[in-house]
């Protein structure tokens, strides 16, 4: 399940960049041909976000027909 590794990297990068800001929403763009399952990414997000500034944040996944996988936006307070 490479989604766990992908999500762990996303959570770590966001937490590192935001330095303690409270995260409310993480928005990812995931192409249907990217090789990553949106369902698996959602499951992994909660596990990876636990104990970080992302804990309790919502994960919004925008699905496309392409092969992209990127972080589109992070909403913080």
PDB file of N, CA and C in Angstrom:
ATOM      1  N   UNK A   1       0.838  -1.176   0.000  1.00  0.00           N
ATOM      2  CA  UNK A   1       0.000   0.000   0.000  1.00  0.00           C
ATOM      3  C   UNK A   1       0.884   1.242   0.000  1.00  0.00           C
ATOM      4  N   UNK A   2       1.204   1.734  -1.169  1.00  0.00           N
ATOM      5  CA  UNK A   2       2.068   2.907  -1.271  1.00  0.00           C
ATOM      6  C   UNK A   2       1.362   4.192  -0.855  1.00  0.00           C
ATOM      7  N   UNK A   3       0.030   4.164  -0.745  1.00  0.00           N
ATOM      8  CA  UNK A   3      -0.705   5.348  -0.308  1.00  0.00           C
ATOM      9  C   UNK A   3      -0.309   5.766   1.111  1.00  0.00           C
ATOM     10  N   UNK A   4       0.015   4.812   1.953  1.00  0.00           N
ATOM     11  CA  UNK A   4       0.438   5.141   3.315  1.00  0.00           C
ATOM     12  C   UNK A   4       1.732   5.947   3.284  1.00  0.00           C
ATOM     13  N   UNK A   5       2.665   5.552   2.472  1.00  0.00           N
ATOM     14  CA  UNK A   5       3.922   6.284   2.338  1.00  0.00           C
ATOM     15  C   UNK A   5       3.697   7.659   1.721  1.00  0.00           C
ATOM     16  N   UNK A   6       2.851   7.726   0.702  1.00  0.00           N
ATOM     17  CA  UNK A   6       2.534   9.017   0.078  1.00  0.00           C
ATOM     18  C   UNK A   6       1.909   9.973   1.082  1.00  0.00           C
ATOM     19  N   UNK A   7       0.932   9.485   1.834  1.00  0.00           N
ATOM     20  CA  UNK A   7       0.242  10.347   2.785  1.00  0.00           C
ATOM     21  C   UNK A   7       1.150  10.733   3.938  1.00  0.00           C
ATOM     22  N   UNK A   8       2.004   9.843   4.357  1.00  0.00           N
ATOM     23  CA  UNK A   8       2.969  10.168   5.414  1.00  0.00           C
ATOM     24  C   UNK A   8       3.876  11.312   4.953  1.00  0.00           C
ATOM     25  N   UNK A   9       4.303  11.276   3.704  1.00  0.00           N
ATOM     26  CA  UNK A   9       5.133  12.348   3.145  1.00  0.00           C
ATOM     27  C   UNK A   9       4.367  13.668   3.062  1.00  0.00           C
ATOM     28  N   UNK A  10       3.104  13.621   2.654  1.00  0.00           N
ATOM     29  CA  UNK A  10       2.287  14.833   2.560  1.00  0.00           C
ATOM     30  C   UNK A  10       2.112  15.454   3.940  1.00  0.00           C
ATOM     31  N   UNK A  11       1.731  14.649   4.916  1.00  0.00           N
ATOM     32  CA  UNK A  11       1.511  15.152   6.277  1.00  0.00           C
ATOM     33  C   UNK A  11       2.801  15.738   6.845  1.00  0.00           C
ATOM     34  N   UNK A  12       3.902  15.054   6.671  1.00  0.00           N
ATOM     35  CA  UNK A  12       5.186  15.548   7.192  1.00  0.00           C
ATOM     36  C   UNK A  12       5.578  16.868   6.534  1.00  0.00           C
ATOM     37  N   UNK A  13       5.390  16.982   5.228  1.00  0.00           N
ATOM     38  CA  UNK A  13       5.757  18.207   4.517  1.00  0.00           C
ATOM     39  C   UNK A  13       4.884  19.381   4.942  1.00  0.00           C
ATOM     40  N   UNK A  14       3.588  19.156   5.071  1.00  0.00           N
ATOM     41  CA  UNK A  14       2.688  20.231   5.494  1.00  0.00           C
ATOM     42  C   UNK A  14       3.009  20.650   6.920  1.00  0.00           C
ATOM     43  N   UNK A  15       3.178  19.700   7.814  1.00  0.00           N
ATOM     44  CA  UNK A  15       3.485  20.018   9.213  1.00  0.00           C
ATOM     45  C   UNK A  15       4.796  20.788   9.326  1.00  0.00           C
ATOM     46  N   UNK A  16       5.778  20.405   8.550  1.00  0.00           N
ATOM     47  CA  UNK A  16       7.083  21.072   8.575  1.00  0.00           C
ATOM     48  C   UNK A  16       6.973  22.514   8.072  1.00  0.00           C
ATOM     49  N   UNK A  17       6.231  22.732   7.007  1.00  0.00           N
ATOM     50  CA  UNK A  17       6.100  24.062   6.417  1.00  0.00           C
ATOM     51  C   UNK A  17       5.254  25.008   7.266  1.00  0.00           C
ATOM     52  N   UNK A  18       4.247  24.471   7.935  1.00  0.00           N
ATOM     53  CA  UNK A  18       3.322  25.326   8.674  1.00  0.00           C
ATOM     54  C   UNK A  18       3.764  25.597  10.105  1.00  0.00           C
ATOM     55  N   UNK A  19       4.688  24.847  10.592  1.00  0.00           N
ATOM     56  CA  UNK A  19       5.297  25.075  11.908  1.00  0.00           C
ATOM     57  C   UNK A  19       4.287  25.376  13.005  1.00  0.00           C
ATOM     58  N   UNK A  20       3.371  24.445  13.215  1.00  0.00           N
ATOM     59  CA  UNK A  20       2.458  24.556  14.339  1.00  0.00           C
ATOM     60  C   UNK A  20       1.126  25.203  14.055  1.00  0.00           C
ATOM     61  N   UNK A  21       0.901  25.760  12.860  1.00  0.00           N
ATOM     62  CA  UNK A  21      -0.407  26.338  12.537  1.00  0.00           C
ATOM     63  C   UNK A  21      -1.443  25.224  12.534  1.00  0.00           C
ATOM     64  N   UNK A  22      -2.642  25.546  12.910  1.00  0.00           N
ATOM     65  CA  UNK A  22      -3.722  24.557  12.929  1.00  0.00           C
ATOM     66  C   UNK A  22      -4.276  24.384  11.521  1.00  0.00           C
ATOM     67  N   UNK A  23      -4.263  23.165  11.030  1.00  0.00           N
ATOM     68  CA  UNK A  23      -4.723  22.854   9.676  1.00  0.00           C
ATOM     69  C   UNK A  23      -6.186  22.428   9.734  1.00  0.00           C
ATOM     70  N   UNK A  24      -6.998  23.015   8.843  1.00  0.00           N
ATOM     71  CA  UNK A  24      -8.421  22.678   8.787  1.00  0.00           C
ATOM     72  C   UNK A  24      -8.763  21.794   7.593  1.00  0.00           C
ATOM     73  N   UNK A  25      -8.135  22.071   6.452  1.00  0.00           N
ATOM     74  CA  UNK A  25      -8.427  21.300   5.235  1.00  0.00           C
ATOM     75  C   UNK A  25      -7.140  21.103   4.443  1.00  0.00           C
ATOM     76  N   UNK A  26      -6.959  19.881   3.962  1.00  0.00           N
ATOM     77  CA  UNK A  26      -5.881  19.564   3.030  1.00  0.00           C
ATOM     78  C   UNK A  26      -6.564  19.111   1.746  1.00  0.00           C
ATOM     79  N   UNK A  27      -6.240  19.779   0.635  1.00  0.00           N
ATOM     80  CA  UNK A  27      -6.868  19.452  -0.640  1.00  0.00           C
ATOM     81  C   UNK A  27      -5.828  18.872  -1.593  1.00  0.00           C
ATOM     82  N   UNK A  28      -6.103  17.650  -2.031  1.00  0.00           N
ATOM     83  CA  UNK A  28      -5.228  16.965  -2.987  1.00  0.00           C
ATOM     84  C   UNK A  28      -5.954  16.794  -4.316  1.00  0.00           C
ATOM     85  N   UNK A  29      -5.194  16.866  -5.387  1.00  0.00           N
ATOM     86  CA  UNK A  29      -5.701  16.526  -6.714  1.00  0.00           C
ATOM     87  C   UNK A  29      -5.134  15.150  -7.037  1.00  0.00           C
ATOM     88  N   UNK A  30      -6.028  14.217  -7.324  1.00  0.00           N
ATOM     89  CA  UNK A  30      -5.614  12.837  -7.586  1.00  0.00           C
ATOM     90  C   UNK A  30      -6.234  12.382  -8.897  1.00  0.00           C
ATOM     91  N   UNK A  31      -5.389  12.097  -9.867  1.00  0.00           N
ATOM     92  CA  UNK A  31      -5.853  11.593 -11.147  1.00  0.00           C
ATOM     93  C   UNK A  31      -6.188  10.112 -11.064  1.00  0.00           C
ATOM     94  N   UNK A  32      -7.205   9.725 -11.789  1.00  0.00           N
ATOM     95  CA  UNK A  32      -7.622   8.322 -11.785  1.00  0.00           C
ATOM     96  C   UNK A  32      -6.542   7.394 -12.330  1.00  0.00           C
ATOM     97  N   UNK A  33      -5.620   7.953 -13.126  1.00  0.00           N
ATOM     98  CA  UNK A  33      -4.520   7.149 -13.671  1.00  0.00           C
ATOM     99  C   UNK A  33      -3.204   7.374 -12.923  1.00  0.00           C
ATOM    100  N   UNK A  34      -3.278   7.940 -11.724  1.00  0.00           N
ATOM    101  CA  UNK A  34      -2.068   8.235 -10.951  1.00  0.00           C
ATOM    102  C   UNK A  34      -1.489   7.004 -10.261  1.00  0.00           C
ATOM    103  N   UNK A  35      -2.296   5.975 -10.136  1.00  0.00           N
ATOM    104  CA  UNK A  35      -1.836   4.793  -9.420  1.00  0.00           C
ATOM    105  C   UNK A  35      -2.107   4.858  -7.932  1.00  0.00           C
ATOM    106  N   UNK A  36      -2.726   5.952  -7.470  1.00  0.00           N
ATOM    107  CA  UNK A  36      -3.060   6.101  -6.053  1.00  0.00           C
ATOM    108  C   UNK A  36      -4.579   6.056  -5.903  1.00  0.00           C
ATOM    109  N   UNK A  37      -5.034   5.309  -4.932  1.00  0.00           N
ATOM    110  CA  UNK A  37      -6.460   5.172  -4.683  1.00  0.00           C
ATOM    111  C   UNK A  37      -6.943   6.277  -3.744  1.00  0.00           C
ATOM    112  N   UNK A  38      -7.902   7.104  -4.191  1.00  0.00           N
ATOM    113  CA  UNK A  38      -8.445   8.122  -3.296  1.00  0.00           C
ATOM    114  C   UNK A  38      -9.005   7.526  -2.005  1.00  0.00           C
ATOM    115  N   UNK A  39      -9.632   6.389  -2.098  1.00  0.00           N
ATOM    116  CA  UNK A  39     -10.185   5.732  -0.900  1.00  0.00           C
ATOM    117  C   UNK A  39      -9.072   5.362   0.077  1.00  0.00           C
ATOM    118  N   UNK A  40      -7.994   4.790  -0.428  1.00  0.00           N
ATOM    119  CA  UNK A  40      -6.872   4.418   0.433  1.00  0.00           C
ATOM    120  C   UNK A  40      -6.190   5.661   1.008  1.00  0.00           C
ATOM    121  N   UNK A  41      -6.072   6.716   0.211  1.00  0.00           N
ATOM    122  CA  UNK A  41      -5.469   7.954   0.708  1.00  0.00           C
ATOM    123  C   UNK A  41      -6.292   8.520   1.861  1.00  0.00           C
ATOM    124  N   UNK A  42      -7.612   8.473   1.751  1.00  0.00           N
ATOM    125  CA  UNK A  42      -8.473   8.958   2.835  1.00  0.00           C
ATOM    126  C   UNK A  42      -8.253   8.149   4.104  1.00  0.00           C
ATOM    127  N   UNK A  43      -8.158   6.851   3.961  1.00  0.00           N
ATOM    128  CA  UNK A  43      -7.931   5.994   5.130  1.00  0.00           C
ATOM    129  C   UNK A  43      -6.588   6.281   5.778  1.00  0.00           C
ATOM    130  N   UNK A  44      -5.577   6.493   4.970  1.00  0.00           N
ATOM    131  CA  UNK A  44      -4.232   6.730   5.479  1.00  0.00           C
ATOM    132  C   UNK A  44      -4.080   8.115   6.106  1.00  0.00           C
ATOM    133  N   UNK A  45      -4.866   9.082   5.646  1.00  0.00           N
ATOM    134  CA  UNK A  45      -4.740  10.449   6.154  1.00  0.00           C
ATOM    135  C   UNK A  45      -4.976  10.507   7.653  1.00  0.00           C
ATOM    136  N   UNK A  46      -6.036   9.895   8.103  1.00  0.00           N
ATOM    137  CA  UNK A  46      -6.363   9.929   9.534  1.00  0.00           C
ATOM    138  C   UNK A  46      -5.254   9.306  10.374  1.00  0.00           C
ATOM    139  N   UNK A  47      -4.714   8.210   9.899  1.00  0.00           N
ATOM    140  CA  UNK A  47      -3.627   7.532  10.616  1.00  0.00           C
ATOM    141  C   UNK A  47      -2.375   8.409  10.654  1.00  0.00           C
ATOM    142  N   UNK A  48      -2.000   8.959   9.523  1.00  0.00           N
ATOM    143  CA  UNK A  48      -0.775   9.755   9.424  1.00  0.00           C
ATOM    144  C   UNK A  48      -0.895  11.104  10.129  1.00  0.00           C
ATOM    145  N   UNK A  49      -2.087  11.675  10.155  1.00  0.00           N
ATOM    146  CA  UNK A  49      -2.288  13.000  10.741  1.00  0.00           C
ATOM    147  C   UNK A  49      -2.345  12.966  12.265  1.00  0.00           C
ATOM    148  N   UNK A  50      -2.601  11.808  12.838  1.00  0.00           N
ATOM    149  CA  UNK A  50      -2.712  11.697  14.292  1.00  0.00           C
ATOM    150  C   UNK A  50      -1.460  12.206  14.998  1.00  0.00           C
ATOM    151  N   UNK A  51      -1.659  13.073  15.996  1.00  0.00           N
ATOM    152  CA  UNK A  51      -0.542  13.599  16.764  1.00  0.00           C
ATOM    153  C   UNK A  51       0.228  14.713  16.073  1.00  0.00           C
ATOM    154  N   UNK A  52      -0.301  15.231  14.963  1.00  0.00           N
ATOM    155  CA  UNK A  52       0.346  16.317  14.221  1.00  0.00           C
ATOM    156  C   UNK A  52      -0.611  17.508  14.175  1.00  0.00           C
ATOM    157  N   UNK A  53      -0.157  18.663  13.686  1.00  0.00           N
ATOM    158  CA  UNK A  53      -1.077  19.801  13.521  1.00  0.00           C
ATOM    159  C   UNK A  53      -2.201  19.529  12.517  1.00  0.00           C
ATOM    160  N   UNK A  54      -2.130  18.430  11.805  1.00  0.00           N
ATOM    161  CA  UNK A  54      -3.164  18.076  10.842  1.00  0.00           C
ATOM    162  C   UNK A  54      -4.250  17.193  11.455  1.00  0.00           C
ATOM    163  N   UNK A  55      -4.059  16.765  12.693  1.00  0.00           N
ATOM    164  CA  UNK A  55      -5.048  15.904  13.340  1.00  0.00           C
ATOM    165  C   UNK A  55      -6.390  16.630  13.394  1.00  0.00           C
ATOM    166  N   UNK A  56      -7.437  15.963  12.946  1.00  0.00           N
ATOM    167  CA  UNK A  56      -8.769  16.546  12.931  1.00  0.00           C
ATOM    168  C   UNK A  56      -9.092  17.338  11.673  1.00  0.00           C
ATOM    169  N   UNK A  57      -8.117  17.550  10.824  1.00  0.00           N
ATOM    170  CA  UNK A  57      -8.354  18.283   9.575  1.00  0.00           C
ATOM    171  C   UNK A  57      -9.137  17.409   8.603  1.00  0.00           C
ATOM    172  N   UNK A  58      -9.816  18.056   7.687  1.00  0.00           N
ATOM    173  CA  UNK A  58     -10.537  17.347   6.634  1.00  0.00           C
ATOM    174  C   UNK A  58      -9.604  17.145   5.445  1.00  0.00           C
ATOM    175  N   UNK A  59      -9.771  16.017   4.794  1.00  0.00           N
ATOM    176  CA  UNK A  59      -9.046  15.752   3.550  1.00  0.00           C
ATOM    177  C   UNK A  59     -10.039  15.853   2.411  1.00  0.00           C
ATOM    178  N   UNK A  60      -9.801  16.777   1.511  1.00  0.00           N
ATOM    179  CA  UNK A  60     -10.642  16.973   0.335  1.00  0.00           C
ATOM    180  C   UNK A  60      -9.844  16.499  -0.872  1.00  0.00           C
ATOM    181  N   UNK A  61     -10.363  15.504  -1.560  1.00  0.00           N
ATOM    182  CA  UNK A  61      -9.682  14.971  -2.744  1.00  0.00           C
ATOM    183  C   UNK A  61     -10.483  15.334  -3.981  1.00  0.00           C
ATOM    184  N   UNK A  62      -9.824  16.028  -4.896  1.00  0.00           N
ATOM    185  CA  UNK A  62     -10.410  16.380  -6.180  1.00  0.00           C
ATOM    186  C   UNK A  62      -9.926  15.338  -7.182  1.00  0.00           C
ATOM    187  N   UNK A  63     -10.848  14.546  -7.691  1.00  0.00           N
ATOM    188  CA  UNK A  63     -10.483  13.493  -8.637  1.00  0.00           C
ATOM    189  C   UNK A  63     -10.548  14.018 -10.065  1.00  0.00           C
ATOM    190  N   UNK A  64      -9.529  13.671 -10.848  1.00  0.00           N
ATOM    191  CA  UNK A  64      -9.485  14.053 -12.252  1.00  0.00           C
ATOM    192  C   UNK A  64      -9.292  12.799 -13.106  1.00  0.00           C
ATOM    193  N   UNK A  65      -9.344  12.968 -14.405  1.00  0.00           N
ATOM    194  CA  UNK A  65      -9.144  11.844 -15.326  1.00  0.00           C
ATOM    195  C   UNK A  65      -7.672  11.588 -15.620  1.00  0.00           C
ATOM    196  N   UNK A  66      -6.805  12.497 -15.221  1.00  0.00           N
ATOM    197  CA  UNK A  66      -5.398  12.422 -15.583  1.00  0.00           C
ATOM    198  C   UNK A  66      -4.562  11.519 -14.695  1.00  0.00           C
ATOM    199  N   UNK A  67      -3.246  11.788 -14.735  1.00  0.00           N
ATOM    200  CA  UNK A  67      -2.315  10.978 -13.959  1.00  0.00           C
ATOM    201  C   UNK A  67      -1.617  11.801 -12.874  1.00  0.00           C
ATOM    202  N   UNK A  68      -2.175  12.972 -12.549  1.00  0.00           N
ATOM    203  CA  UNK A  68      -1.544  13.844 -11.570  1.00  0.00           C
ATOM    204  C   UNK A  68      -1.845  13.423 -10.128  1.00  0.00           C
ATOM    205  N   UNK A  69      -0.974  13.843  -9.257  1.00  0.00           N
ATOM    206  CA  UNK A  69      -1.146  13.662  -7.813  1.00  0.00           C
ATOM    207  C   UNK A  69      -0.359  14.792  -7.167  1.00  0.00           C
ATOM    208  N   UNK A  70      -1.075  15.805  -6.657  1.00  0.00           N
ATOM    209  CA  UNK A  70      -0.386  16.936  -6.067  1.00  0.00           C
ATOM    210  C   UNK A  70      -1.236  17.609  -4.995  1.00  0.00           C
ATOM    211  N   UNK A  71      -0.552  18.329  -4.143  1.00  0.00           N
ATOM    212  CA  UNK A  71      -1.182  19.082  -3.072  1.00  0.00           C
ATOM    213  C   UNK A  71      -1.645  20.415  -3.642  1.00  0.00           C
ATOM    214  N   UNK A  72      -2.939  20.649  -3.635  1.00  0.00           N
ATOM    215  CA  UNK A  72      -3.489  21.860  -4.228  1.00  0.00           C
ATOM    216  C   UNK A  72      -3.569  23.013  -3.232  1.00  0.00           C
ATOM    217  N   UNK A  73      -4.013  22.722  -2.000  1.00  0.00           N
ATOM    218  CA  UNK A  73      -4.242  23.798  -1.049  1.00  0.00           C
ATOM    219  C   UNK A  73      -4.272  23.257   0.376  1.00  0.00           C
ATOM    220  N   UNK A  74      -3.873  24.104   1.310  1.00  0.00           N
ATOM    221  CA  UNK A  74      -3.978  23.793   2.737  1.00  0.00           C
ATOM    222  C   UNK A  74      -4.621  24.998   3.401  1.00  0.00           C
ATOM    223  N   UNK A  75      -5.744  24.775   4.090  1.00  0.00           N
ATOM    224  CA  UNK A  75      -6.412  25.843   4.818  1.00  0.00           C
ATOM    225  C   UNK A  75      -6.002  25.771   6.279  1.00  0.00           C
ATOM    226  N   UNK A  76      -5.544  26.901   6.822  1.00  0.00           N
ATOM    227  CA  UNK A  76      -5.056  26.947   8.194  1.00  0.00           C
ATOM    228  C   UNK A  76      -5.683  28.127   8.931  1.00  0.00           C
ATOM    229  N   UNK A  77      -5.488  28.115  10.252  1.00  0.00           N
ATOM    230  CA  UNK A  77      -5.894  29.275  11.046  1.00  0.00           C
ATOM    231  C   UNK A  77      -4.724  29.753  11.876  1.00  0.00           C
TER     232      UNK A  77
END
